Amino acid sequence: MSNSIETSPLTGSFGVRVHNFNLSDVSLQDDYPALRALFEEHSALLFSNQDLSPRDHIRLAEMFGPVEDRKKDERRPGAAPEVALVSNETASGVTGEMDLHTLHLKANQQWHIDSTFMPVPSLCNILTAKVVTTTGGRTELASTRAAWAAMPEELKARIKGKVLGHNYRRSRERISMQLANLPMFNKWPAQRWPAVWANPTNEREALYIASHVFEVEGLSSSEGDALIDELIEFCTQQRFVYSHSWKVGDVLMWDQRATLHRGTPWPYDQPRTLASVCCSMAESDGLATARVKLESTH
């Protein structure tokens, strides 16, 4: 399947650039199986010169799984989820560097996985550039699958079998307590997930960690924080990282089960807008296995 699509490596350890491919024309029957095979094998896919309308963006995401809707409680009943804009532009203009809205974007400059704090976490993020800055504002990906395969056994042994507690406010507390106390970061109760997940398609394992982790089961807060920091430092070595400099029309999608990501700083007086759609995991994406692991440890 995937052999019919022209690709080239993004890095020596994970990811591919997909050439001469129009995401607006993807069909569930013809193109999606090949894309999904590339997604499972390489964890990150990059496409250039795309013009995804909001409708096509949602349609593409729906092929991977149900569209995640963090604002469902704010919508009128029956209203469909929308494309989320990751942007410092508001109706009042570009937000200031220390504005809470900008601080929220700065919190995304910590290495994280989207939605580990939700009852159903995210399978993938499909992100595209709409407005880019003159410098900075890169998006960086780190393969926790490649890192796990290369990790020393001593370090693996300290985290394997552990259960991690995740909540949204934890990553915001690292930036600003005022930010962390906003209602949007306290919507969901803490979630607990195994620290290591296996891809059900190929059985390759990856770490499932994030800046949202507030607890490592069996360790004190200081010990847990130190271990998570050590693991993230290992996983984000240059050999496991792809750093993307955006051009308008780029689309980057990645497997949240096997990839950390973060933004990087930009000139905060310049507008920057990326459009994002995350889709939620299905039971067959490894969620059922993760829940069985949780039950077996308690």
Protein backbone atom coordinates (compact mmCIF):
# COMPACT_ATOMS: atom_id res chain seq x y z
CA MET A 1 0.00 0.00 0.00
CA SER A 2 2.44 2.65 1.26
CA ASN A 3 4.87 1.71 -1.53
CA SER A 4 2.61 3.59 -3.96
CA ILE A 5 3.24 6.88 -2.13
CA GLU A 6 6.54 8.67 -2.66
CA THR A 7 8.32 9.44 0.62
CA SER A 8 11.70 10.49 1.98
CA PRO A 9 12.99 10.33 5.59
CA LEU A 10 12.52 13.24 8.00
CA THR A 11 15.24 11.94 10.32
CA GLY A 12 17.38 8.86 10.72
CA SER A 13 15.13 7.52 13.47
CA PHE A 14 11.51 8.31 12.54
CA GLY A 15 9.18 10.28 10.28
CA VAL A 16 8.74 10.70 6.53
CA ARG A 17 7.99 13.54 4.14
CA VAL A 18 5.19 12.58 1.73
CA HIS A 19 5.64 14.00 -1.76
CA ASN A 20 3.13 15.03 -4.45
CA PHE A 21 0.08 14.18 -2.39
CA ASN A 22 -3.13 16.21 -1.95
CA LEU A 23 -4.69 15.66 1.47
CA SER A 24 -7.91 17.36 0.38
CA ASP A 25 -8.55 14.46 -2.01
CA VAL A 26 -7.96 11.57 0.41
CA SER A 27 -10.64 8.90 0.31
CA LEU A 28 -11.30 6.40 3.05
CA GLN A 29 -11.24 3.49 0.61
CA ASP A 30 -8.32 4.34 -1.68
CA ASP A 31 -5.79 6.60 0.07
CA TYR A 32 -6.39 6.31 3.78
CA PRO A 33 -5.13 2.72 4.23
CA ALA A 34 -1.76 3.68 2.73
CA LEU A 35 -1.55 6.83 4.87
CA ARG A 36 -2.47 4.86 7.99
CA ALA A 37 0.24 2.29 7.22
CA LEU A 38 2.82 5.09 6.96
CA PHE A 39 1.51 6.61 10.20
CA GLU A 40 1.85 3.32 12.09
CA GLU A 41 5.34 2.64 10.72
CA HIS A 42 6.94 6.09 10.89
CA SER A 43 4.98 7.98 13.62
CA ALA A 44 5.19 11.36 11.83
CA LEU A 45 4.17 12.48 8.34
CA LEU A 46 4.91 15.84 6.68
CA PHE A 47 3.09 17.23 3.64
CA SER A 48 3.90 20.50 1.84
CA ASN A 49 1.85 22.85 -0.36
CA GLN A 50 -1.52 21.86 1.06
CA ASP A 51 -4.66 24.01 1.18
CA LEU A 52 -6.83 22.24 3.72
CA SER A 53 -10.18 23.90 4.21
CA PRO A 54 -11.71 23.47 7.68
CA ARG A 55 -14.16 20.97 6.19
CA ASP A 56 -11.39 18.88 4.58
CA HIS A 57 -9.28 19.13 7.72
CA ILE A 58 -12.10 17.66 9.82
CA ARG A 59 -12.91 15.05 7.17
CA LEU A 60 -9.30 13.86 7.10
CA ALA A 61 -9.12 13.62 10.89
CA GLU A 62 -12.36 11.65 11.04
CA MET A 63 -10.71 8.90 9.01
CA PHE A 64 -8.24 8.38 11.86
CA GLY A 65 -10.85 8.52 14.61
CA PRO A 66 -13.54 10.60 16.32
CA VAL A 67 -12.65 14.29 16.31
CA GLU A 68 -11.67 15.42 19.79
CA ASP A 69 -13.89 18.20 21.11
CA ARG A 70 -12.54 19.84 24.26
CA LYS A 71 -15.25 22.50 24.07
CA LYS A 72 -18.20 20.15 23.82
CA ASP A 73 -19.61 21.50 27.09
CA GLU A 74 -19.57 25.02 25.62
CA ARG A 75 -21.41 24.20 22.38
CA ARG A 76 -25.11 24.08 21.76
CA PRO A 77 -26.45 20.50 21.64
CA GLY A 78 -25.74 18.81 18.33
CA ALA A 79 -23.17 21.37 17.19
CA ALA A 80 -20.18 19.82 15.41
CA PRO A 81 -16.61 20.24 16.65
CA GLU A 82 -14.51 22.85 14.91
CA VAL A 83 -10.91 23.21 13.80
CA ALA A 84 -8.93 24.58 16.75
CA LEU A 85 -6.74 27.59 16.07
CA VAL A 86 -3.43 27.63 17.94
CA SER A 87 -2.96 31.36 17.63
CA ASN A 88 -1.91 34.55 19.39
CA GLU A 89 -4.43 36.50 17.30
CA THR A 90 -7.71 37.47 18.94
CA ALA A 91 -10.50 39.87 18.05
CA SER A 92 -8.48 42.54 19.89
CA GLY A 93 -5.28 41.83 17.96
CA VAL A 94 -2.07 39.98 18.86
CA THR A 95 -1.90 39.16 22.58
CA GLY A 96 1.02 40.44 24.64
CA GLU A 97 3.87 38.21 25.72
CA MET A 98 2.68 38.00 29.35
CA ASP A 99 -1.03 37.82 28.55
CA LEU A 100 -2.62 34.62 29.90
CA HIS A 101 -3.56 33.61 26.36
CA THR A 102 0.10 33.85 25.29
CA LEU A 103 1.25 32.08 28.47
CA HIS A 104 -1.02 29.19 27.50
CA LEU A 105 0.78 29.01 24.15
CA LYS A 106 4.12 29.21 25.97
CA ALA A 107 3.08 26.22 28.09
CA ASN A 108 2.99 24.26 24.84
CA GLN A 109 6.73 24.85 24.57
CA GLN A 110 7.14 22.09 27.15
CA TRP A 111 7.54 18.59 25.76
CA HIS A 112 4.14 16.96 25.88
CA ILE A 113 1.59 14.64 24.33
CA ASP A 114 -1.84 16.10 23.66
CA SER A 115 -4.80 15.06 25.79
CA THR A 116 -3.15 12.57 28.15
CA PHE A 117 -5.30 14.35 30.75
CA MET A 118 -8.58 13.35 29.06
CA PRO A 119 -10.63 10.18 29.63
CA VAL A 120 -10.08 9.28 25.96
CA PRO A 121 -6.64 10.48 24.87
CA SER A 122 -5.61 11.61 21.42
CA LEU A 123 -4.40 9.28 18.68
CA CYS A 124 -3.02 11.96 16.36
CA ASN A 125 -2.77 15.66 15.78
CA ILE A 126 -3.11 17.03 12.24
CA LEU A 127 -1.54 20.50 12.31
CA THR A 128 -1.26 22.99 9.44
CA ALA A 129 0.25 26.46 9.16
CA LYS A 130 -1.99 29.42 8.29
CA VAL A 131 0.10 32.40 9.48
CA VAL A 132 3.83 32.09 10.23
CA THR A 133 6.37 34.41 11.83
CA THR A 134 9.61 35.67 10.30
CA THR A 135 11.69 33.61 12.76
CA GLY A 136 11.10 30.99 15.43
CA GLY A 137 7.80 29.26 16.05
CA ARG A 138 9.06 25.83 15.09
CA THR A 139 7.28 22.64 16.06
CA GLU A 140 9.56 19.88 17.33
CA LEU A 141 8.77 16.17 17.55
CA ALA A 142 10.66 13.56 19.56
CA SER A 143 10.21 9.83 19.01
CA THR A 144 9.63 8.08 22.33
CA ARG A 145 9.56 4.81 20.36
CA ALA A 146 13.06 5.23 18.93
CA ALA A 147 14.26 6.53 22.29
CA TRP A 148 12.76 3.58 24.17
CA ALA A 149 14.46 1.12 21.83
CA ALA A 150 17.82 2.82 22.48
CA MET A 151 17.36 3.42 26.21
CA PRO A 152 19.72 1.73 28.70
CA GLU A 153 18.07 -1.16 30.52
CA GLU A 154 18.75 0.45 33.91
CA LEU A 155 16.69 3.50 32.99
CA LYS A 156 13.96 1.38 31.37
CA ALA A 157 13.64 -0.69 34.55
CA ARG A 158 12.93 2.41 36.64
CA ILE A 159 9.79 3.31 34.63
CA LYS A 160 8.54 0.03 33.09
CA GLY A 161 5.38 -1.19 34.77
CA LYS A 162 4.72 2.20 36.38
CA VAL A 163 1.42 4.04 36.16
CA LEU A 164 1.53 7.80 35.64
CA GLY A 165 -1.00 10.40 36.74
CA HIS A 166 -1.77 13.15 34.23
CA ASN A 167 -3.72 16.37 34.55
CA TYR A 168 -3.95 19.52 32.43
CA ARG A 169 -3.22 21.96 35.21
CA ARG A 170 0.17 20.39 35.98
CA SER A 171 1.78 21.63 32.76
CA ARG A 172 0.23 25.08 33.30
CA GLU A 173 1.45 25.29 36.91
CA ARG A 174 4.98 25.16 35.56
CA ILE A 175 4.26 28.45 33.74
CA SER A 176 1.82 30.35 35.94
CA MET A 177 -0.46 29.45 38.86
CA GLN A 178 -2.91 32.08 37.62
CA LEU A 179 -3.01 30.24 34.30
CA ALA A 180 -3.36 26.83 35.97
CA ASN A 181 -6.36 28.00 38.01
CA LEU A 182 -8.43 28.88 34.93
CA PRO A 183 -11.51 26.61 34.55
CA MET A 184 -10.38 25.24 31.16
CA PHE A 185 -7.39 23.55 32.82
CA ASN A 186 -9.49 21.92 35.54
CA LYS A 187 -12.33 20.38 33.51
CA TRP A 188 -11.25 16.76 33.75
CA PRO A 189 -10.31 14.61 36.73
CA ALA A 190 -6.78 13.21 36.81
CA GLN A 191 -6.19 10.35 34.39
CA ARG A 192 -3.84 7.43 34.93
CA TRP A 193 -2.08 5.62 32.11
CA PRO A 194 0.68 3.02 31.81
CA ALA A 195 4.11 4.57 31.22
CA VAL A 196 4.84 2.26 28.27
CA TRP A 197 2.45 1.50 25.39
CA ALA A 198 2.82 -1.00 22.56
CA ASN A 199 1.55 -0.19 19.08
CA PRO A 200 -1.10 -2.88 18.37
CA THR A 201 -0.18 -2.95 14.68
CA ASN A 202 3.52 -3.73 15.04
CA GLU A 203 3.97 -4.30 18.82
CA ARG A 204 6.73 -1.68 19.03
CA GLU A 205 6.82 -0.06 22.45
CA ALA A 206 7.05 3.66 23.27
CA LEU A 207 7.10 5.79 26.39
CA TYR A 208 3.86 7.63 27.16
CA ILE A 209 5.02 10.63 29.18
CA ALA A 210 4.33 14.36 29.11
CA SER A 211 4.64 17.67 30.94
CA HIS A 212 1.12 16.87 32.19
CA VAL A 213 2.47 14.11 34.47
CA PHE A 214 2.02 15.01 38.14
CA GLU A 215 2.56 11.58 39.69
CA VAL A 216 4.65 8.47 39.18
CA GLU A 217 3.01 5.69 41.11
CA GLY A 218 5.16 4.48 43.99
CA LEU A 219 7.47 7.50 44.01
CA SER A 220 7.41 10.76 45.94
CA SER A 221 6.57 13.93 44.04
CA SER A 222 10.21 14.99 43.87
CA GLU A 223 11.39 11.52 42.82
CA GLY A 224 8.66 11.26 40.19
CA ASP A 225 9.36 14.70 38.77
CA ALA A 226 13.08 13.94 38.59
CA LEU A 227 12.47 10.64 36.79
CA ILE A 228 10.10 12.19 34.24
CA ASP A 229 12.60 14.98 33.62
CA GLU A 230 15.37 12.42 33.10
CA LEU A 231 13.27 10.39 30.69
CA ILE A 232 12.22 13.45 28.67
CA GLU A 233 15.85 14.57 28.51
CA PHE A 234 16.84 11.17 27.12
CA CYS A 235 13.98 11.10 24.59
CA THR A 236 14.68 14.60 23.31
CA GLN A 237 18.29 14.07 22.36
CA GLN A 238 18.98 15.41 18.87
CA ARG A 239 19.11 11.90 17.38
CA PHE A 240 15.43 11.37 18.26
CA VAL A 241 14.13 14.86 17.31
CA TYR A 242 12.70 16.43 14.18
CA SER A 243 12.46 20.25 14.23
CA HIS A 244 10.06 21.77 11.70
CA SER A 245 10.24 25.33 10.41
CA TRP A 246 6.76 26.17 9.14
CA LYS A 247 5.71 27.42 5.74
CA VAL A 248 2.09 28.27 5.01
CA GLY A 249 0.46 25.12 3.62
CA ASP A 250 2.62 22.63 5.52
CA VAL A 251 0.73 19.83 7.26
CA LEU A 252 2.38 17.80 10.00
CA MET A 253 0.65 14.83 11.60
CA TRP A 254 2.02 12.53 14.28
CA ASP A 255 1.21 9.52 16.43
CA GLN A 256 0.57 10.70 19.98
CA ARG A 257 1.23 7.20 21.32
CA ALA A 258 4.88 7.40 20.30
CA THR A 259 5.80 11.08 19.92
CA LEU A 260 6.42 14.03 22.21
CA HIS A 261 6.12 17.50 20.74
CA ARG A 262 6.58 21.15 21.64
CA GLY A 263 6.52 24.61 20.10
CA THR A 264 9.46 27.00 20.20
CA PRO A 265 9.48 30.76 20.93
CA TRP A 266 8.80 33.36 18.27
CA PRO A 267 8.67 37.20 18.18
CA TYR A 268 5.54 37.63 20.28
CA ASP A 269 4.54 40.86 18.58
CA GLN A 270 4.06 38.91 15.34
CA PRO A 271 0.88 36.95 14.56
CA ARG A 272 1.16 33.17 14.40
CA THR A 273 -1.71 30.81 13.63
CA LEU A 274 -1.70 27.05 13.21
CA ALA A 275 -4.89 25.04 12.67
CA SER A 276 -5.15 21.81 14.63
CA VAL A 277 -7.50 18.85 14.70
CA CYS A 278 -6.87 15.97 17.09
CA CYS A 279 -8.72 12.70 16.81
CA SER A 280 -9.36 10.44 19.76
CA MET A 281 -8.09 6.90 20.21
CA ALA A 282 -10.37 3.96 19.59
CA GLU A 283 -10.17 0.81 21.68
CA SER A 284 -8.28 -0.88 18.83
CA ASP A 285 -5.56 1.81 18.86
CA GLY A 286 -4.15 0.40 22.09
CA LEU A 287 -6.59 2.03 24.49
CA ALA A 288 -8.20 -1.28 25.47
CA THR A 289 -4.79 -2.82 26.19
CA ALA A 290 -3.74 0.21 28.25
CA ARG A 291 -6.88 -0.09 30.37
CA VAL A 292 -6.26 -3.81 30.92
CA LYS A 293 -2.74 -2.98 32.10
CA LEU A 294 -4.14 -0.46 34.55
CA GLU A 295 -6.55 -3.01 35.95
CA SER A 296 -3.81 -5.62 36.30
CA THR A 297 -1.65 -3.27 38.40
CA HIS A 298 -4.39 -2.50 40.92
